[in-house]
């Protein structure tokens, strides 16, 4: 069963999480300030680049981004970040 909430359609799993949170069974945790600072540094975007890729590759990336619900530039940036940090091989 799905339920629409403010332009979002939740699947059964997501709805269960929302229901448990709203009923008080789940509490918002405190995030250590060091993680908040690290996340902020990670998300800084201070360089623009231009690259040439094939139209087919770009179209594939755009389709993957749509499936993930992301702008394609964000997906590309995420892939570069993961590769640069060794988490994507």
PDB file of N, CA and C in Angstrom:
ATOM      1  N   UNK A   1       0.848  -1.183   0.000  1.00  0.00           N
ATOM      2  CA  UNK A   1       0.000   0.000   0.000  1.00  0.00           C
ATOM      3  C   UNK A   1       0.895   1.248   0.000  1.00  0.00           C
ATOM      4  N   UNK A   2       0.524   2.249  -0.778  1.00  0.00           N
ATOM      5  CA  UNK A   2       1.273   3.496  -0.791  1.00  0.00           C
ATOM      6  C   UNK A   2       0.371   4.630  -0.363  1.00  0.00           C
ATOM      7  N   UNK A   3       0.958   5.643   0.219  1.00  0.00           N
ATOM      8  CA  UNK A   3       0.216   6.816   0.662  1.00  0.00           C
ATOM      9  C   UNK A   3       0.947   8.044   0.168  1.00  0.00           C
ATOM     10  N   UNK A   4       0.227   9.005  -0.403  1.00  0.00           N
ATOM     11  CA  UNK A   4       0.847  10.215  -0.924  1.00  0.00           C
ATOM     12  C   UNK A   4       0.885  11.276   0.163  1.00  0.00           C
ATOM     13  N   UNK A   5       2.071  11.817   0.398  1.00  0.00           N
ATOM     14  CA  UNK A   5       2.252  12.859   1.402  1.00  0.00           C
ATOM     15  C   UNK A   5       3.008  13.999   0.754  1.00  0.00           C
ATOM     16  N   UNK A   6       2.381  15.141   0.613  1.00  0.00           N
ATOM     17  CA  UNK A   6       3.024  16.335   0.089  1.00  0.00           C
ATOM     18  C   UNK A   6       3.914  16.030  -1.106  1.00  0.00           C
ATOM     19  N   UNK A   7       3.338  15.523  -2.179  1.00  0.00           N
ATOM     20  CA  UNK A   7       4.033  15.237  -3.430  1.00  0.00           C
ATOM     21  C   UNK A   7       4.984  14.047  -3.359  1.00  0.00           C
ATOM     22  N   UNK A   8       4.953  13.257  -2.303  1.00  0.00           N
ATOM     23  CA  UNK A   8       5.784  12.070  -2.189  1.00  0.00           C
ATOM     24  C   UNK A   8       4.889  10.850  -2.100  1.00  0.00           C
ATOM     25  N   UNK A   9       5.249   9.814  -2.806  1.00  0.00           N
ATOM     26  CA  UNK A   9       4.539   8.548  -2.690  1.00  0.00           C
ATOM     27  C   UNK A   9       5.444   7.617  -1.909  1.00  0.00           C
ATOM     28  N   UNK A  10       4.961   7.174  -0.762  1.00  0.00           N
ATOM     29  CA  UNK A  10       5.747   6.310   0.110  1.00  0.00           C
ATOM     30  C   UNK A  10       5.383   4.859  -0.136  1.00  0.00           C
ATOM     31  N   UNK A  11       6.408   4.000  -0.200  1.00  0.00           N
ATOM     32  CA  UNK A  11       6.098   2.578  -0.273  1.00  0.00           C
ATOM     33  C   UNK A  11       5.797   2.073   1.148  1.00  0.00           C
ATOM     34  N   UNK A  12       5.493   0.807   1.269  1.00  0.00           N
ATOM     35  CA  UNK A  12       5.079   0.252   2.558  1.00  0.00           C
ATOM     36  C   UNK A  12       6.173   0.413   3.619  1.00  0.00           C
ATOM     37  N   UNK A  13       7.414   0.165   3.246  1.00  0.00           N
ATOM     38  CA  UNK A  13       8.540   0.270   4.170  1.00  0.00           C
ATOM     39  C   UNK A  13       8.709   1.713   4.650  1.00  0.00           C
ATOM     40  N   UNK A  14       8.682   2.657   3.711  1.00  0.00           N
ATOM     41  CA  UNK A  14       8.835   4.069   4.064  1.00  0.00           C
ATOM     42  C   UNK A  14       7.685   4.551   4.947  1.00  0.00           C
ATOM     43  N   UNK A  15       6.468   4.106   4.631  1.00  0.00           N
ATOM     44  CA  UNK A  15       5.315   4.490   5.421  1.00  0.00           C
ATOM     45  C   UNK A  15       5.421   3.948   6.838  1.00  0.00           C
ATOM     46  N   UNK A  16       5.940   2.728   6.988  1.00  0.00           N
ATOM     47  CA  UNK A  16       6.139   2.145   8.312  1.00  0.00           C
ATOM     48  C   UNK A  16       7.123   2.985   9.128  1.00  0.00           C
ATOM     49  N   UNK A  17       8.210   3.411   8.494  1.00  0.00           N
ATOM     50  CA  UNK A  17       9.191   4.255   9.191  1.00  0.00           C
ATOM     51  C   UNK A  17       8.549   5.563   9.619  1.00  0.00           C
ATOM     52  N   UNK A  18       7.810   6.203   8.715  1.00  0.00           N
ATOM     53  CA  UNK A  18       7.142   7.465   9.038  1.00  0.00           C
ATOM     54  C   UNK A  18       6.146   7.278  10.178  1.00  0.00           C
ATOM     55  N   UNK A  19       5.347   6.222  10.114  1.00  0.00           N
ATOM     56  CA  UNK A  19       4.354   5.960  11.161  1.00  0.00           C
ATOM     57  C   UNK A  19       5.019   5.749  12.524  1.00  0.00           C
ATOM     58  N   UNK A  20       6.118   4.981  12.540  1.00  0.00           N
ATOM     59  CA  UNK A  20       6.815   4.735  13.803  1.00  0.00           C
ATOM     60  C   UNK A  20       7.445   6.015  14.345  1.00  0.00           C
ATOM     61  N   UNK A  21       7.982   6.842  13.457  1.00  0.00           N
ATOM     62  CA  UNK A  21       8.575   8.116  13.894  1.00  0.00           C
ATOM     63  C   UNK A  21       7.499   9.034  14.467  1.00  0.00           C
ATOM     64  N   UNK A  22       6.374   9.158  13.745  1.00  0.00           N
ATOM     65  CA  UNK A  22       5.306  10.057  14.189  1.00  0.00           C
ATOM     66  C   UNK A  22       4.644   9.571  15.468  1.00  0.00           C
ATOM     67  N   UNK A  23       4.670   8.266  15.731  1.00  0.00           N
ATOM     68  CA  UNK A  23       4.065   7.744  16.961  1.00  0.00           C
ATOM     69  C   UNK A  23       5.021   7.817  18.151  1.00  0.00           C
ATOM     70  N   UNK A  24       6.255   8.260  17.918  1.00  0.00           N
ATOM     71  CA  UNK A  24       7.216   8.392  19.001  1.00  0.00           C
ATOM     72  C   UNK A  24       8.067   7.162  19.233  1.00  0.00           C
ATOM     73  N   UNK A  25       7.906   6.128  18.408  1.00  0.00           N
ATOM     74  CA  UNK A  25       8.700   4.921  18.566  1.00  0.00           C
ATOM     75  C   UNK A  25      10.139   5.127  18.093  1.00  0.00           C
ATOM     76  N   UNK A  26      10.341   6.115  17.258  1.00  0.00           N
ATOM     77  CA  UNK A  26      11.684   6.438  16.773  1.00  0.00           C
ATOM     78  C   UNK A  26      11.966   7.891  17.119  1.00  0.00           C
ATOM     79  N   UNK A  27      13.147   8.142  17.598  1.00  0.00           N
ATOM     80  CA  UNK A  27      13.522   9.510  17.954  1.00  0.00           C
ATOM     81  C   UNK A  27      14.659   9.969  17.060  1.00  0.00           C
ATOM     82  N   UNK A  28      14.656  11.243  16.774  1.00  0.00           N
ATOM     83  CA  UNK A  28      15.733  11.814  15.991  1.00  0.00           C
ATOM     84  C   UNK A  28      17.000  11.798  16.833  1.00  0.00           C
ATOM     85  N   UNK A  29      18.050  11.214  16.294  1.00  0.00           N
ATOM     86  CA  UNK A  29      19.311  11.111  17.021  1.00  0.00           C
ATOM     87  C   UNK A  29      20.142  12.370  16.885  1.00  0.00           C
ATOM     88  N   UNK A  30      21.073  12.484  17.779  1.00  0.00           N
ATOM     89  CA  UNK A  30      21.990  13.607  17.745  1.00  0.00           C
ATOM     90  C   UNK A  30      23.207  13.219  16.925  1.00  0.00           C
ATOM     91  N   UNK A  31      23.588  14.061  15.983  1.00  0.00           N
ATOM     92  CA  UNK A  31      24.735  13.793  15.123  1.00  0.00           C
ATOM     93  C   UNK A  31      25.942  14.517  15.705  1.00  0.00           C
ATOM     94  N   UNK A  32      27.057  13.794  15.887  1.00  0.00           N
ATOM     95  CA  UNK A  32      28.256  14.449  16.425  1.00  0.00           C
ATOM     96  C   UNK A  32      28.680  15.624  15.540  1.00  0.00           C
ATOM     97  N   UNK A  33      29.128  16.701  16.185  1.00  0.00           N
ATOM     98  CA  UNK A  33      29.499  17.910  15.438  1.00  0.00           C
ATOM     99  C   UNK A  33      30.625  17.649  14.456  1.00  0.00           C
ATOM    100  N   UNK A  34      31.497  16.694  14.752  1.00  0.00           N
ATOM    101  CA  UNK A  34      32.584  16.389  13.813  1.00  0.00           C
ATOM    102  C   UNK A  34      32.041  15.830  12.500  1.00  0.00           C
ATOM    103  N   UNK A  35      30.961  15.030  12.583  1.00  0.00           N
ATOM    104  CA  UNK A  35      30.351  14.501  11.363  1.00  0.00           C
ATOM    105  C   UNK A  35      29.649  15.601  10.583  1.00  0.00           C
ATOM    106  N   UNK A  36      29.035  16.523  11.280  1.00  0.00           N
ATOM    107  CA  UNK A  36      28.366  17.643  10.621  1.00  0.00           C
ATOM    108  C   UNK A  36      29.399  18.484   9.873  1.00  0.00           C
ATOM    109  N   UNK A  37      30.533  18.742  10.516  1.00  0.00           N
ATOM    110  CA  UNK A  37      31.590  19.529   9.883  1.00  0.00           C
ATOM    111  C   UNK A  37      32.153  18.803   8.666  1.00  0.00           C
ATOM    112  N   UNK A  38      32.373  17.504   8.800  1.00  0.00           N
ATOM    113  CA  UNK A  38      32.893  16.714   7.685  1.00  0.00           C
ATOM    114  C   UNK A  38      31.917  16.712   6.518  1.00  0.00           C
ATOM    115  N   UNK A  39      30.639  16.551   6.821  1.00  0.00           N
ATOM    116  CA  UNK A  39      29.632  16.572   5.761  1.00  0.00           C
ATOM    117  C   UNK A  39      29.613  17.921   5.060  1.00  0.00           C
ATOM    118  N   UNK A  40      29.728  18.991   5.814  1.00  0.00           N
ATOM    119  CA  UNK A  40      29.756  20.324   5.220  1.00  0.00           C
ATOM    120  C   UNK A  40      30.944  20.515   4.308  1.00  0.00           C
ATOM    121  N   UNK A  41      32.111  20.030   4.730  1.00  0.00           N
ATOM    122  CA  UNK A  41      33.317  20.147   3.901  1.00  0.00           C
ATOM    123  C   UNK A  41      33.186  19.302   2.632  1.00  0.00           C
ATOM    124  N   UNK A  42      32.589  18.127   2.768  1.00  0.00           N
ATOM    125  CA  UNK A  42      32.419  17.229   1.627  1.00  0.00           C
ATOM    126  C   UNK A  42      31.509  17.846   0.569  1.00  0.00           C
ATOM    127  N   UNK A  43      30.509  18.574   1.012  1.00  0.00           N
ATOM    128  CA  UNK A  43      29.525  19.110   0.090  1.00  0.00           C
ATOM    129  C   UNK A  43      29.943  20.426  -0.555  1.00  0.00           C
ATOM    130  N   UNK A  44      31.077  20.986  -0.155  1.00  0.00           N
ATOM    131  CA  UNK A  44      31.527  22.234  -0.773  1.00  0.00           C
ATOM    132  C   UNK A  44      31.828  21.990  -2.246  1.00  0.00           C
ATOM    133  N   UNK A  45      31.337  22.869  -3.054  1.00  0.00           N
ATOM    134  CA  UNK A  45      31.585  22.787  -4.489  1.00  0.00           C
ATOM    135  C   UNK A  45      32.264  24.075  -4.893  1.00  0.00           C
ATOM    136  N   UNK A  46      33.562  23.990  -5.127  1.00  0.00           N
ATOM    137  CA  UNK A  46      34.266  25.223  -5.411  1.00  0.00           C
ATOM    138  C   UNK A  46      35.004  25.217  -6.741  1.00  0.00           C
ATOM    139  N   UNK A  47      34.798  24.214  -7.575  1.00  0.00           N
ATOM    140  CA  UNK A  47      35.434  24.170  -8.886  1.00  0.00           C
ATOM    141  C   UNK A  47      34.429  23.727  -9.938  1.00  0.00           C
ATOM    142  N   UNK A  48      34.472  24.383 -11.067  1.00  0.00           N
ATOM    143  CA  UNK A  48      33.692  23.955 -12.227  1.00  0.00           C
ATOM    144  C   UNK A  48      34.634  23.304 -13.218  1.00  0.00           C
ATOM    145  N   UNK A  49      34.157  22.264 -13.903  1.00  0.00           N
ATOM    146  CA  UNK A  49      34.949  21.633 -14.946  1.00  0.00           C
ATOM    147  C   UNK A  49      34.077  21.425 -16.172  1.00  0.00           C
ATOM    148  N   UNK A  50      34.716  21.305 -17.302  1.00  0.00           N
ATOM    149  CA  UNK A  50      34.032  20.943 -18.540  1.00  0.00           C
ATOM    150  C   UNK A  50      34.641  19.646 -19.032  1.00  0.00           C
ATOM    151  N   UNK A  51      33.792  18.701 -19.404  1.00  0.00           N
ATOM    152  CA  UNK A  51      34.288  17.437 -19.940  1.00  0.00           C
ATOM    153  C   UNK A  51      33.504  17.098 -21.198  1.00  0.00           C
ATOM    154  N   UNK A  52      34.121  16.313 -22.033  1.00  0.00           N
ATOM    155  CA  UNK A  52      33.445  15.816 -23.227  1.00  0.00           C
ATOM    156  C   UNK A  52      33.201  14.325 -23.033  1.00  0.00           C
ATOM    157  N   UNK A  53      31.933  13.924 -23.179  1.00  0.00           N
ATOM    158  CA  UNK A  53      31.578  12.511 -23.126  1.00  0.00           C
ATOM    159  C   UNK A  53      30.614  12.230 -24.263  1.00  0.00           C
ATOM    160  N   UNK A  54      30.472  10.971 -24.581  1.00  0.00           N
ATOM    161  CA  UNK A  54      29.588  10.610 -25.689  1.00  0.00           C
ATOM    162  C   UNK A  54      28.132  10.903 -25.323  1.00  0.00           C
ATOM    163  N   UNK A  55      27.336  11.157 -26.337  1.00  0.00           N
ATOM    164  CA  UNK A  55      25.904  11.402 -26.107  1.00  0.00           C
ATOM    165  C   UNK A  55      25.254  10.183 -25.469  1.00  0.00           C
ATOM    166  N   UNK A  56      25.665   8.990 -25.886  1.00  0.00           N
ATOM    167  CA  UNK A  56      25.085   7.765 -25.320  1.00  0.00           C
ATOM    168  C   UNK A  56      25.386   7.646 -23.840  1.00  0.00           C
ATOM    169  N   UNK A  57      26.634   7.941 -23.448  1.00  0.00           N
ATOM    170  CA  UNK A  57      26.984   7.881 -22.027  1.00  0.00           C
ATOM    171  C   UNK A  57      26.195   8.908 -21.229  1.00  0.00           C
ATOM    172  N   UNK A  58      26.082  10.115 -21.752  1.00  0.00           N
ATOM    173  CA  UNK A  58      25.335  11.162 -21.052  1.00  0.00           C
ATOM    174  C   UNK A  58      23.873  10.769 -20.899  1.00  0.00           C
ATOM    175  N   UNK A  59      23.295  10.223 -21.951  1.00  0.00           N
ATOM    176  CA  UNK A  59      21.892   9.804 -21.878  1.00  0.00           C
ATOM    177  C   UNK A  59      21.715   8.689 -20.844  1.00  0.00           C
ATOM    178  N   UNK A  60      22.657   7.755 -20.795  1.00  0.00           N
ATOM    179  CA  UNK A  60      22.593   6.674 -19.800  1.00  0.00           C
ATOM    180  C   UNK A  60      22.668   7.238 -18.382  1.00  0.00           C
ATOM    181  N   UNK A  61      23.568   8.190 -18.182  1.00  0.00           N
ATOM    182  CA  UNK A  61      23.707   8.815 -16.863  1.00  0.00           C
ATOM    183  C   UNK A  61      22.435   9.567 -16.497  1.00  0.00           C
ATOM    184  N   UNK A  62      21.864  10.270 -17.451  1.00  0.00           N
ATOM    185  CA  UNK A  62      20.611  10.994 -17.172  1.00  0.00           C
ATOM    186  C   UNK A  62      19.498  10.042 -16.773  1.00  0.00           C
ATOM    187  N   UNK A  63      19.398   8.905 -17.457  1.00  0.00           N
ATOM    188  CA  UNK A  63      18.361   7.923 -17.113  1.00  0.00           C
ATOM    189  C   UNK A  63      18.598   7.337 -15.722  1.00  0.00           C
ATOM    190  N   UNK A  64      19.859   7.032 -15.409  1.00  0.00           N
ATOM    191  CA  UNK A  64      20.168   6.530 -14.066  1.00  0.00           C
ATOM    192  C   UNK A  64      19.824   7.569 -13.001  1.00  0.00           C
ATOM    193  N   UNK A  65      20.123   8.823 -13.293  1.00  0.00           N
ATOM    194  CA  UNK A  65      19.835   9.895 -12.331  1.00  0.00           C
ATOM    195  C   UNK A  65      18.338  10.022 -12.093  1.00  0.00           C
ATOM    196  N   UNK A  66      17.547   9.910 -13.153  1.00  0.00           N
ATOM    197  CA  UNK A  66      16.086   9.985 -13.000  1.00  0.00           C
ATOM    198  C   UNK A  66      15.605   8.852 -12.107  1.00  0.00           C
ATOM    199  N   UNK A  67      16.129   7.656 -12.327  1.00  0.00           N
ATOM    200  CA  UNK A  67      15.736   6.513 -11.492  1.00  0.00           C
ATOM    201  C   UNK A  67      16.095   6.717 -10.034  1.00  0.00           C
ATOM    202  N   UNK A  68      17.210   7.407  -9.793  1.00  0.00           N
ATOM    203  CA  UNK A  68      17.654   7.673  -8.424  1.00  0.00           C
ATOM    204  C   UNK A  68      17.013   8.927  -7.832  1.00  0.00           C
ATOM    205  N   UNK A  69      16.323   9.711  -8.660  1.00  0.00           N
ATOM    206  CA  UNK A  69      15.698  10.938  -8.182  1.00  0.00           C
ATOM    207  C   UNK A  69      16.700  12.061  -7.942  1.00  0.00           C
ATOM    208  N   UNK A  70      17.761  12.078  -8.743  1.00  0.00           N
ATOM    209  CA  UNK A  70      18.815  13.085  -8.594  1.00  0.00           C
ATOM    210  C   UNK A  70      18.999  13.865  -9.880  1.00  0.00           C
ATOM    211  N   UNK A  71      19.470  15.095  -9.789  1.00  0.00           N
ATOM    212  CA  UNK A  71      19.925  15.768 -11.011  1.00  0.00           C
ATOM    213  C   UNK A  71      21.153  15.016 -11.538  1.00  0.00           C
ATOM    214  N   UNK A  72      21.305  14.942 -12.855  1.00  0.00           N
ATOM    215  CA  UNK A  72      22.405  14.156 -13.400  1.00  0.00           C
ATOM    216  C   UNK A  72      23.773  14.717 -13.009  1.00  0.00           C
ATOM    217  N   UNK A  73      23.874  16.043 -12.836  1.00  0.00           N
ATOM    218  CA  UNK A  73      25.152  16.623 -12.430  1.00  0.00           C
ATOM    219  C   UNK A  73      25.529  16.148 -11.021  1.00  0.00           C
ATOM    220  N   UNK A  74      24.534  16.020 -10.151  1.00  0.00           N
ATOM    221  CA  UNK A  74      24.780  15.531  -8.798  1.00  0.00           C
ATOM    222  C   UNK A  74      25.270  14.094  -8.829  1.00  0.00           C
ATOM    223  N   UNK A  75      24.659  13.280  -9.677  1.00  0.00           N
ATOM    224  CA  UNK A  75      25.092  11.889  -9.811  1.00  0.00           C
ATOM    225  C   UNK A  75      26.529  11.818 -10.308  1.00  0.00           C
ATOM    226  N   UNK A  76      26.868  12.603 -11.315  1.00  0.00           N
ATOM    227  CA  UNK A  76      28.234  12.613 -11.839  1.00  0.00           C
ATOM    228  C   UNK A  76      29.212  13.050 -10.748  1.00  0.00           C
ATOM    229  N   UNK A  77      28.875  14.107 -10.020  1.00  0.00           N
ATOM    230  CA  UNK A  77      29.730  14.564  -8.930  1.00  0.00           C
ATOM    231  C   UNK A  77      29.918  13.502  -7.865  1.00  0.00           C
ATOM    232  N   UNK A  78      28.848  12.774  -7.547  1.00  0.00           N
ATOM    233  CA  UNK A  78      28.919  11.706  -6.557  1.00  0.00           C
ATOM    234  C   UNK A  78      29.831  10.578  -7.035  1.00  0.00           C
ATOM    235  N   UNK A  79      29.704  10.215  -8.302  1.00  0.00           N
ATOM    236  CA  UNK A  79      30.560   9.171  -8.859  1.00  0.00           C
ATOM    237  C   UNK A  79      32.032   9.578  -8.810  1.00  0.00           C
ATOM    238  N   UNK A  80      32.326  10.816  -9.173  1.00  0.00           N
ATOM    239  CA  UNK A  80      33.704  11.307  -9.131  1.00  0.00           C
ATOM    240  C   UNK A  80      34.223  11.288  -7.693  1.00  0.00           C
ATOM    241  N   UNK A  81      33.394  11.746  -6.764  1.00  0.00           N
ATOM    242  CA  UNK A  81      33.789  11.774  -5.353  1.00  0.00           C
ATOM    243  C   UNK A  81      34.095  10.372  -4.843  1.00  0.00           C
ATOM    244  N   UNK A  82      33.211   9.433  -5.138  1.00  0.00           N
ATOM    245  CA  UNK A  82      33.416   8.052  -4.679  1.00  0.00           C
ATOM    246  C   UNK A  82      34.674   7.449  -5.298  1.00  0.00           C
ATOM    247  N   UNK A  83      34.907   7.700  -6.574  1.00  0.00           N
ATOM    248  CA  UNK A  83      36.105   7.179  -7.227  1.00  0.00           C
ATOM    249  C   UNK A  83      37.363   7.801  -6.631  1.00  0.00           C
ATOM    250  N   UNK A  84      37.334   9.107  -6.423  1.00  0.00           N
ATOM    251  CA  UNK A  84      38.505   9.810  -5.874  1.00  0.00           C
ATOM    252  C   UNK A  84      38.843   9.322  -4.472  1.00  0.00           C
ATOM    253  N   UNK A  85      37.829   8.900  -3.703  1.00  0.00           N
ATOM    254  CA  UNK A  85      38.060   8.424  -2.339  1.00  0.00           C
ATOM    255  C   UNK A  85      38.258   6.914  -2.255  1.00  0.00           C
ATOM    256  N   UNK A  86      38.249   6.250  -3.390  1.00  0.00           N
ATOM    257  CA  UNK A  86      38.507   4.810  -3.411  1.00  0.00           C
ATOM    258  C   UNK A  86      37.337   3.941  -3.042  1.00  0.00           C
ATOM    259  N   UNK A  87      36.139   4.509  -2.935  1.00  0.00           N
ATOM    260  CA  UNK A  87      34.970   3.686  -2.601  1.00  0.00           C
ATOM    261  C   UNK A  87      34.257   3.180  -3.848  1.00  0.00           C
ATOM    262  N   UNK A  88      34.665   3.639  -5.025  1.00  0.00           N
ATOM    263  CA  UNK A  88      34.112   3.176  -6.297  1.00  0.00           C
ATOM    264  C   UNK A  88      35.281   2.748  -7.159  1.00  0.00           C
ATOM    265  N   UNK A  89      35.219   1.523  -7.618  1.00  0.00           N
ATOM    266  CA  UNK A  89      36.327   1.014  -8.434  1.00  0.00           C
ATOM    267  C   UNK A  89      35.816   0.519  -9.757  1.00  0.00           C
TER     268      UNK A  89
END
